[in-house]
Every structure is written in structure tokens, then in C-alpha cells.
Amino acid sequence: MGGVTDREADSAVPAADPVPFDLASMRKQYRAEGLSETELATTPVEQFARWFKQAATDGGLFEPNAMVVSTADAEGRPSSRTVLLKHFDEQGFVFYTNYDSRKARELDANPYVSLLFPWHPMARQVVVTGVARRTGRDETAAYFRTRPHGSQLGAWASAQSAVVAGRRALDAAYAELAARYPEGEQVPVPPHWGGFRVVPEAVEFWQGRENRLHDRLRYVAEGGGSWRVERLSP
């Protein structure tokens, strides 16, 4: 009687499930209350301000100003990362970064950008698409002065997105700067650091609803400061 071959023995052992959860069954039933056209503010920034206030007060979010910034290089290859929104008004949405970082280099080559605010505890999302433009140096300097001393030093110590030898090298660079600019001494604004203002061309407000029939209302810029509102199918 022949024995079991190694190949047969291996096939008899069930393959380990790389995911210890049944992803297909992980679902939440979203809220019954929705978002109607009659409830919308005149402009997307006004509507964003309403939702942001709710997210910052009643939403239970850790950092409601955290947003996913998606860019693409000149060849169209995308990349995404989480960045903190630092200002918004009718002129756009502002964040700050190292101008030598990957996101900044991609925005210099291709200024079209998407911002996603994933407010999951509220079953809400906001998606801003538009064009990114660098902020002026005066605006950048004014914001830089509001940053904690350690964050100001960090803007100098980190060559963002560049390969670094190790954590020790990063800590050594920071320590050298901390000795040069002790607490209480003004740190100069790095010339390679500054802001981007995303001027919106479209802003979508997504409200989760029951049975996956979500509300999706999108403002589209029509020029002259006017906006058209569209309802998108979920």
C-alpha cells in the first residue's frame, strides 16, 4: 500500500486565513436621518463649517481636521497621506508641509488634488477636489509662529520623504537644532517649508443612510462665486 506523498500531505492541511475576520460580514447600519438639498448652505465652505463644528464638538472624533490628501505625479501615479487642515475660508483649504516632500513635489508637477475628511463615527465624509497653490511667505510665517517650539525645530530637522539612515540620525539633527535655538529663542521659518491652499472646484458631502442608500450632494463651481448642487447616486 502506497504512503501519502508530501504533496498530498501538504494539500490536506487547510491554508491559514491571512485575515482573522470575516470582512464580508463586517457592516454597520447607518443613520436614518439624511441630508436634503433644502438643508444645504449657500456655499460649500459654509456647509463644511456646519459639519466641521458638529464633528469637533459632538462627533467624538480624535482629530476632526485630519484629512487624506491625494496627489498624483506627472505620470498620473497617485499617492495619499493624512495631513491636518490648519485653516479654511471661502478662498480654500490650507495645510502646511515641507516643499521638498513627495506631496509638494507632486503638486508642483500636477496641482490637482483631492482632500478626504473621513468622519466615520458620524457616518459622514467630505471630499474636496480642486487646485493647490502655495501660500505667500507672510501667511506661512504667521502660521509658523503659532507652532509649538518643538514643531518649529522639527520642520528644520526633517527632510520630509527623504531616506534617513535611522531614528538616531533624526534625533541627532533635532538635538543639534534644540541646542542652537533653545526654548524662548525665535526659530527662523525654513525656506523649504510652507503652505498649500486648495481652491475647491467641487465639494461632495456624503451622509451614510440605511440600506446603503446614502445621500451624496455635490457643489460644483460655476464661476463668479456661484455653485451648482448635484445629487449623486450612492
C-alpha atoms as a PDB file:
ATOM      1  CA  MET A   1       0.000   0.000   0.000  1.00  0.00           C
ATOM      2  CA  GLY A   2       1.485   3.299  -1.026  1.00  0.00           C
ATOM      3  CA  GLY A   3       2.044   6.046   1.505  1.00  0.00           C
ATOM      4  CA  VAL A   4       0.818   9.616   1.359  1.00  0.00           C
ATOM      5  CA  THR A   5       3.136  11.809  -0.657  1.00  0.00           C
ATOM      6  CA  ASP A   6       4.488  15.084   0.693  1.00  0.00           C
ATOM      7  CA  ARG A   7       2.411  16.973  -1.874  1.00  0.00           C
ATOM      8  CA  GLU A   8      -0.763  15.181  -0.787  1.00  0.00           C
ATOM      9  CA  ALA A   9       0.049  15.784   2.870  1.00  0.00           C
ATOM     10  CA  ASP A  10       0.548  19.491   2.232  1.00  0.00           C
ATOM     11  CA  SER A  11      -2.741  19.751   0.342  1.00  0.00           C
ATOM     12  CA  ALA A  12      -4.582  18.075   3.221  1.00  0.00           C
ATOM     13  CA  VAL A  13      -3.653  20.911   5.585  1.00  0.00           C
ATOM     14  CA  PRO A  14      -6.059  23.837   5.242  1.00  0.00           C
ATOM     15  CA  ALA A  15      -4.366  27.084   4.286  1.00  0.00           C
ATOM     16  CA  ALA A  16      -4.117  29.629   7.057  1.00  0.00           C
ATOM     17  CA  ASP A  17      -6.544  32.501   6.670  1.00  0.00           C
ATOM     18  CA  PRO A  18      -4.392  35.639   6.369  1.00  0.00           C
ATOM     19  CA  VAL A  19      -7.290  37.761   7.657  1.00  0.00           C
ATOM     20  CA  PRO A  20      -8.663  36.664  11.067  1.00  0.00           C
ATOM     21  CA  PHE A  21     -12.032  38.292  10.408  1.00  0.00           C
ATOM     22  CA  ASP A  22     -14.894  37.764   8.002  1.00  0.00           C
ATOM     23  CA  LEU A  23     -14.604  41.047   6.155  1.00  0.00           C
ATOM     24  CA  ALA A  24     -17.691  40.390   4.032  1.00  0.00           C
ATOM     25  CA  SER A  25     -19.888  40.298   7.137  1.00  0.00           C
ATOM     26  CA  MET A  26     -18.422  43.428   8.764  1.00  0.00           C
ATOM     27  CA  ARG A  27     -21.062  46.074   8.234  1.00  0.00           C
ATOM     28  CA  LYS A  28     -22.832  48.838  10.096  1.00  0.00           C
ATOM     29  CA  GLN A  29     -26.348  50.110   9.556  1.00  0.00           C
ATOM     30  CA  TYR A  30     -26.107  53.848   9.045  1.00  0.00           C
ATOM     31  CA  ARG A  31     -28.424  56.520  10.365  1.00  0.00           C
ATOM     32  CA  ALA A  32     -31.952  57.176   9.179  1.00  0.00           C
ATOM     33  CA  GLU A  33     -31.548  60.947   9.154  1.00  0.00           C
ATOM     34  CA  GLY A  34     -30.180  62.174   5.876  1.00  0.00           C
ATOM     35  CA  LEU A  35     -29.082  65.280   4.036  1.00  0.00           C
ATOM     36  CA  SER A  36     -31.518  67.095   1.738  1.00  0.00           C
ATOM     37  CA  GLU A  37     -30.957  69.870  -0.750  1.00  0.00           C
ATOM     38  CA  THR A  38     -33.176  72.207   1.289  1.00  0.00           C
ATOM     39  CA  GLU A  39     -30.837  71.905   4.266  1.00  0.00           C
ATOM     40  CA  LEU A  40     -27.686  72.921   2.414  1.00  0.00           C
ATOM     41  CA  ALA A  41     -25.876  76.208   2.964  1.00  0.00           C
ATOM     42  CA  THR A  42     -25.363  78.615   0.070  1.00  0.00           C
ATOM     43  CA  THR A  43     -21.697  77.723  -0.386  1.00  0.00           C
ATOM     44  CA  PRO A  44     -19.741  74.522   0.276  1.00  0.00           C
ATOM     45  CA  VAL A  45     -17.472  76.298   2.752  1.00  0.00           C
ATOM     46  CA  GLU A  46     -20.489  77.349   4.813  1.00  0.00           C
ATOM     47  CA  GLN A  47     -21.789  73.776   4.725  1.00  0.00           C
ATOM     48  CA  PHE A  48     -18.341  72.453   5.637  1.00  0.00           C
ATOM     49  CA  ALA A  49     -18.216  74.844   8.600  1.00  0.00           C
ATOM     50  CA  ARG A  50     -21.530  73.443   9.864  1.00  0.00           C
ATOM     51  CA  TRP A  51     -20.397  69.843   9.615  1.00  0.00           C
ATOM     52  CA  PHE A  52     -16.929  70.593  10.965  1.00  0.00           C
ATOM     53  CA  LYS A  53     -18.385  72.256  14.061  1.00  0.00           C
ATOM     54  CA  GLN A  54     -20.503  69.162  14.693  1.00  0.00           C
ATOM     55  CA  ALA A  55     -17.518  66.874  14.119  1.00  0.00           C
ATOM     56  CA  ALA A  56     -15.364  68.904  16.513  1.00  0.00           C
ATOM     57  CA  THR A  57     -17.972  69.069  19.283  1.00  0.00           C
ATOM     58  CA  ASP A  58     -20.445  66.182  19.136  1.00  0.00           C
ATOM     59  CA  GLY A  59     -18.817  63.798  16.680  1.00  0.00           C
ATOM     60  CA  GLY A  60     -16.427  62.087  19.081  1.00  0.00           C
ATOM     61  CA  LEU A  61     -13.563  62.350  16.583  1.00  0.00           C
ATOM     62  CA  PHE A  62      -9.924  62.340  17.693  1.00  0.00           C
ATOM     63  CA  GLU A  63      -8.745  64.874  15.101  1.00  0.00           C
ATOM     64  CA  PRO A  64     -11.650  66.189  13.039  1.00  0.00           C
ATOM     65  CA  ASN A  65      -9.233  68.306  10.995  1.00  0.00           C
ATOM     66  CA  ALA A  66      -7.345  65.208   9.808  1.00  0.00           C
ATOM     67  CA  MET A  67      -7.763  64.714   6.066  1.00  0.00           C
ATOM     68  CA  VAL A  68      -6.389  62.363   3.451  1.00  0.00           C
ATOM     69  CA  VAL A  69      -4.512  64.347   0.801  1.00  0.00           C
ATOM     70  CA  SER A  70      -4.267  62.538  -2.532  1.00  0.00           C
ATOM     71  CA  THR A  71      -1.909  63.729  -5.239  1.00  0.00           C
ATOM     72  CA  ALA A  72      -0.547  62.321  -8.484  1.00  0.00           C
ATOM     73  CA  ASP A  73       2.789  62.767 -10.173  1.00  0.00           C
ATOM     74  CA  ALA A  74       3.330  63.917 -13.744  1.00  0.00           C
ATOM     75  CA  GLU A  75       2.787  60.341 -14.981  1.00  0.00           C
ATOM     76  CA  GLY A  76      -0.534  60.047 -13.115  1.00  0.00           C
ATOM     77  CA  ARG A  77       0.688  57.704 -10.357  1.00  0.00           C
ATOM     78  CA  PRO A  78      -1.278  58.508  -7.180  1.00  0.00           C
ATOM     79  CA  SER A  79      -0.203  58.733  -3.554  1.00  0.00           C
ATOM     80  CA  SER A  80      -2.100  59.539  -0.354  1.00  0.00           C
ATOM     81  CA  ARG A  81      -1.285  60.557   3.198  1.00  0.00           C
ATOM     82  CA  THR A  82      -3.025  62.073   6.225  1.00  0.00           C
ATOM     83  CA  VAL A  83      -2.428  65.786   6.862  1.00  0.00           C
ATOM     84  CA  LEU A  84      -4.002  68.248   9.290  1.00  0.00           C
ATOM     85  CA  LEU A  85      -6.173  71.068   7.958  1.00  0.00           C
ATOM     86  CA  LYS A  86      -4.992  74.338   9.504  1.00  0.00           C
ATOM     87  CA  HIS A  87      -7.356  76.923   8.028  1.00  0.00           C
ATOM     88  CA  PHE A  88     -10.348  77.173   5.735  1.00  0.00           C
ATOM     89  CA  ASP A  89     -12.425  80.001   4.331  1.00  0.00           C
ATOM     90  CA  GLU A  90     -14.103  80.931   1.059  1.00  0.00           C
ATOM     91  CA  GLN A  91     -10.654  81.064  -0.569  1.00  0.00           C
ATOM     92  CA  GLY A  92      -9.920  77.399   0.138  1.00  0.00           C
ATOM     93  CA  PHE A  93      -8.482  74.793   2.497  1.00  0.00           C
ATOM     94  CA  VAL A  94      -4.939  75.252   3.848  1.00  0.00           C
ATOM     95  CA  PHE A  95      -2.345  72.769   5.068  1.00  0.00           C
ATOM     96  CA  TYR A  96       1.418  73.038   5.611  1.00  0.00           C
ATOM     97  CA  THR A  97       4.292  70.799   4.590  1.00  0.00           C
ATOM     98  CA  ASN A  98       7.918  70.573   3.555  1.00  0.00           C
ATOM     99  CA  TYR A  99       8.173  71.817  -0.022  1.00  0.00           C
ATOM    100  CA  ASP A 100      10.722  69.070  -0.741  1.00  0.00           C
ATOM    101  CA  SER A 101       8.288  66.335   0.343  1.00  0.00           C
ATOM    102  CA  ARG A 102       6.712  63.931  -2.104  1.00  0.00           C
ATOM    103  CA  LYS A 103       3.297  65.593  -1.880  1.00  0.00           C
ATOM    104  CA  ALA A 104       4.740  69.037  -2.553  1.00  0.00           C
ATOM    105  CA  ARG A 105       6.854  67.862  -5.473  1.00  0.00           C
ATOM    106  CA  GLU A 106       3.830  66.135  -6.973  1.00  0.00           C
ATOM    107  CA  LEU A 107       1.684  69.238  -6.511  1.00  0.00           C
ATOM    108  CA  ASP A 108       4.334  71.349  -8.239  1.00  0.00           C
ATOM    109  CA  ALA A 109       4.166  68.975 -11.217  1.00  0.00           C
ATOM    110  CA  ASN A 110       0.402  68.395 -11.082  1.00  0.00           C
ATOM    111  CA  PRO A 111      -1.590  70.847  -8.919  1.00  0.00           C
ATOM    112  CA  TYR A 112      -4.860  68.865  -8.985  1.00  0.00           C
ATOM    113  CA  VAL A 113      -5.592  67.412  -5.564  1.00  0.00           C
ATOM    114  CA  SER A 114      -8.268  65.623  -3.550  1.00  0.00           C
ATOM    115  CA  LEU A 115      -8.955  66.079   0.166  1.00  0.00           C
ATOM    116  CA  LEU A 116     -10.987  63.481   2.060  1.00  0.00           C
ATOM    117  CA  PHE A 117     -12.369  64.044   5.568  1.00  0.00           C
ATOM    118  CA  PRO A 118     -13.351  60.543   6.839  1.00  0.00           C
ATOM    119  CA  TRP A 119     -15.678  61.280   9.743  1.00  0.00           C
ATOM    120  CA  HIS A 120     -16.627  57.628  10.300  1.00  0.00           C
ATOM    121  CA  PRO A 121     -18.230  57.942  13.787  1.00  0.00           C
ATOM    122  CA  MET A 122     -20.779  60.311  12.224  1.00  0.00           C
ATOM    123  CA  ALA A 123     -21.194  58.230   9.038  1.00  0.00           C
ATOM    124  CA  ARG A 124     -20.043  61.268   7.088  1.00  0.00           C
ATOM    125  CA  GLN A 125     -17.414  62.097   4.515  1.00  0.00           C
ATOM    126  CA  VAL A 126     -16.453  65.308   2.778  1.00  0.00           C
ATOM    127  CA  VAL A 127     -14.458  65.173  -0.460  1.00  0.00           C
ATOM    128  CA  VAL A 128     -12.863  68.341  -1.817  1.00  0.00           C
ATOM    129  CA  THR A 129     -11.347  68.359  -5.302  1.00  0.00           C
ATOM    130  CA  GLY A 130      -9.526  71.362  -6.648  1.00  0.00           C
ATOM    131  CA  VAL A 131      -6.218  73.025  -7.401  1.00  0.00           C
ATOM    132  CA  ALA A 132      -3.415  73.556  -4.867  1.00  0.00           C
ATOM    133  CA  ARG A 133      -1.451  76.803  -4.782  1.00  0.00           C
ATOM    134  CA  ARG A 134       1.361  77.775  -2.447  1.00  0.00           C
ATOM    135  CA  THR A 135       0.544  80.278   0.268  1.00  0.00           C
ATOM    136  CA  GLY A 136       2.504  83.526   0.479  1.00  0.00           C
ATOM    137  CA  ARG A 137       5.558  83.718   2.724  1.00  0.00           C
ATOM    138  CA  ASP A 138       3.891  86.233   5.063  1.00  0.00           C
ATOM    139  CA  GLU A 139       0.967  83.858   5.619  1.00  0.00           C
ATOM    140  CA  THR A 140       3.352  80.947   6.091  1.00  0.00           C
ATOM    141  CA  ALA A 141       5.471  82.877   8.611  1.00  0.00           C
ATOM    142  CA  ALA A 142       2.400  83.968  10.579  1.00  0.00           C
ATOM    143  CA  TYR A 143       1.286  80.362  10.961  1.00  0.00           C
ATOM    144  CA  PHE A 144       4.806  79.089  11.704  1.00  0.00           C
ATOM    145  CA  ARG A 145       4.991  81.451  14.710  1.00  0.00           C
ATOM    146  CA  THR A 146       1.911  79.767  16.211  1.00  0.00           C
ATOM    147  CA  ARG A 147       3.501  76.309  16.176  1.00  0.00           C
ATOM    148  CA  PRO A 148       4.994  74.866  19.370  1.00  0.00           C
ATOM    149  CA  HIS A 149       8.752  75.362  19.681  1.00  0.00           C
ATOM    150  CA  GLY A 150       9.398  71.654  19.161  1.00  0.00           C
ATOM    151  CA  SER A 151       7.327  71.586  15.974  1.00  0.00           C
ATOM    152  CA  GLN A 152       9.259  74.562  14.632  1.00  0.00           C
ATOM    153  CA  LEU A 153      12.518  72.679  15.206  1.00  0.00           C
ATOM    154  CA  GLY A 154      11.023  69.570  13.644  1.00  0.00           C
ATOM    155  CA  ALA A 155      10.339  71.449  10.424  1.00  0.00           C
ATOM    156  CA  TRP A 156      14.099  72.039  10.162  1.00  0.00           C
ATOM    157  CA  ALA A 157      15.229  68.616  11.402  1.00  0.00           C
ATOM    158  CA  SER A 158      13.169  66.519   8.982  1.00  0.00           C
ATOM    159  CA  ALA A 159      13.991  66.286   5.289  1.00  0.00           C
ATOM    160  CA  GLN A 160      10.477  65.009   4.726  1.00  0.00           C
ATOM    161  CA  SER A 161      10.088  61.981   2.415  1.00  0.00           C
ATOM    162  CA  ALA A 162      13.875  61.561   2.070  1.00  0.00           C
ATOM    163  CA  VAL A 163      15.564  58.296   3.068  1.00  0.00           C
ATOM    164  CA  VAL A 164      17.156  58.621   6.527  1.00  0.00           C
ATOM    165  CA  ALA A 165      19.878  56.414   7.997  1.00  0.00           C
ATOM    166  CA  GLY A 166      17.857  55.698  11.124  1.00  0.00           C
ATOM    167  CA  ARG A 167      15.981  57.197  14.056  1.00  0.00           C
ATOM    168  CA  ARG A 168      19.266  58.104  15.746  1.00  0.00           C
ATOM    169  CA  ALA A 169      20.219  60.398  12.867  1.00  0.00           C
ATOM    170  CA  LEU A 170      16.850  62.164  13.066  1.00  0.00           C
ATOM    171  CA  ASP A 171      17.112  62.605  16.836  1.00  0.00           C
ATOM    172  CA  ALA A 172      20.679  63.904  16.498  1.00  0.00           C
ATOM    173  CA  ALA A 173      19.591  66.524  13.964  1.00  0.00           C
ATOM    174  CA  TYR A 174      16.804  67.649  16.306  1.00  0.00           C
ATOM    175  CA  ALA A 175      19.168  67.799  19.311  1.00  0.00           C
ATOM    176  CA  GLU A 176      21.604  69.980  17.376  1.00  0.00           C
ATOM    177  CA  LEU A 177      18.809  72.395  16.473  1.00  0.00           C
ATOM    178  CA  ALA A 178      17.487  72.429  20.053  1.00  0.00           C
ATOM    179  CA  ALA A 179      20.944  73.471  21.249  1.00  0.00           C
ATOM    180  CA  ARG A 180      21.160  76.193  18.607  1.00  0.00           C
ATOM    181  CA  TYR A 181      17.653  77.510  19.247  1.00  0.00           C
ATOM    182  CA  PRO A 182      16.734  76.880  22.910  1.00  0.00           C
ATOM    183  CA  GLU A 183      13.200  77.369  24.192  1.00  0.00           C
ATOM    184  CA  GLY A 184      12.260  81.042  24.073  1.00  0.00           C
ATOM    185  CA  GLU A 185      14.546  81.884  21.146  1.00  0.00           C
ATOM    186  CA  GLN A 186      12.926  82.609  17.805  1.00  0.00           C
ATOM    187  CA  VAL A 187      13.303  79.882  15.211  1.00  0.00           C
ATOM    188  CA  PRO A 188      13.566  81.185  11.627  1.00  0.00           C
ATOM    189  CA  VAL A 189      10.999  79.990   9.123  1.00  0.00           C
ATOM    190  CA  PRO A 190      12.548  77.287   6.896  1.00  0.00           C
ATOM    191  CA  PRO A 191      12.695  78.443   3.264  1.00  0.00           C
ATOM    192  CA  HIS A 192      11.728  74.911   2.181  1.00  0.00           C
ATOM    193  CA  TRP A 193       8.578  74.825   4.307  1.00  0.00           C
ATOM    194  CA  GLY A 194       5.184  76.406   3.749  1.00  0.00           C
ATOM    195  CA  GLY A 195       1.530  76.082   2.978  1.00  0.00           C
ATOM    196  CA  PHE A 196      -0.755  74.978   0.185  1.00  0.00           C
ATOM    197  CA  ARG A 197      -4.233  76.389  -0.316  1.00  0.00           C
ATOM    198  CA  VAL A 198      -6.611  74.051  -2.127  1.00  0.00           C
ATOM    199  CA  VAL A 199      -9.080  76.121  -4.133  1.00  0.00           C
ATOM    200  CA  PRO A 200     -12.170  73.908  -4.456  1.00  0.00           C
ATOM    201  CA  GLU A 201     -13.743  73.112  -7.809  1.00  0.00           C
ATOM    202  CA  ALA A 202     -16.165  70.572  -6.325  1.00  0.00           C
ATOM    203  CA  VAL A 203     -17.096  69.589  -2.763  1.00  0.00           C
ATOM    204  CA  GLU A 204     -19.121  66.462  -2.011  1.00  0.00           C
ATOM    205  CA  PHE A 205     -20.971  65.892   1.269  1.00  0.00           C
ATOM    206  CA  TRP A 206     -21.644  62.210   1.929  1.00  0.00           C
ATOM    207  CA  GLN A 207     -24.109  61.117   4.595  1.00  0.00           C
ATOM    208  CA  GLY A 208     -24.484  57.419   5.331  1.00  0.00           C
ATOM    209  CA  ARG A 209     -28.081  56.160   5.173  1.00  0.00           C
ATOM    210  CA  GLU A 210     -29.908  52.906   5.782  1.00  0.00           C
ATOM    211  CA  ASN A 211     -29.638  50.070   3.243  1.00  0.00           C
ATOM    212  CA  ARG A 212     -26.609  51.739   1.652  1.00  0.00           C
ATOM    213  CA  LEU A 213     -28.840  54.347   0.004  1.00  0.00           C
ATOM    214  CA  HIS A 214     -26.552  57.153   1.073  1.00  0.00           C
ATOM    215  CA  ASP A 215     -27.068  60.860   0.448  1.00  0.00           C
ATOM    216  CA  ARG A 216     -24.381  62.375  -1.759  1.00  0.00           C
ATOM    217  CA  LEU A 217     -24.729  66.080  -2.529  1.00  0.00           C
ATOM    218  CA  ARG A 218     -22.010  67.806  -4.502  1.00  0.00           C
ATOM    219  CA  TYR A 219     -21.345  71.507  -5.040  1.00  0.00           C
ATOM    220  CA  VAL A 220     -19.752  72.289  -8.415  1.00  0.00           C
ATOM    221  CA  ALA A 221     -18.170  75.691  -9.087  1.00  0.00           C
ATOM    222  CA  GLU A 222     -19.766  77.603 -11.956  1.00  0.00           C
ATOM    223  CA  GLY A 223     -17.638  80.748 -11.868  1.00  0.00           C
ATOM    224  CA  GLY A 224     -18.225  84.130 -10.310  1.00  0.00           C
ATOM    225  CA  GLY A 225     -18.587  82.592  -6.868  1.00  0.00           C
ATOM    226  CA  SER A 226     -21.750  80.636  -7.738  1.00  0.00           C
ATOM    227  CA  TRP A 227     -22.250  76.928  -7.149  1.00  0.00           C
ATOM    228  CA  ARG A 228     -24.463  74.235  -8.670  1.00  0.00           C
ATOM    229  CA  VAL A 229     -25.686  71.416  -6.425  1.00  0.00           C
ATOM    230  CA  GLU A 230     -25.951  67.883  -7.782  1.00  0.00           C
ATOM    231  CA  ARG A 231     -27.285  64.735  -6.152  1.00  0.00           C
ATOM    232  CA  LEU A 232     -25.185  61.654  -6.891  1.00  0.00           C
ATOM    233  CA  SER A 233     -26.440  58.103  -6.806  1.00  0.00           C
ATOM    234  CA  PRO A 234     -24.965  56.098  -3.918  1.00  0.00           C
END
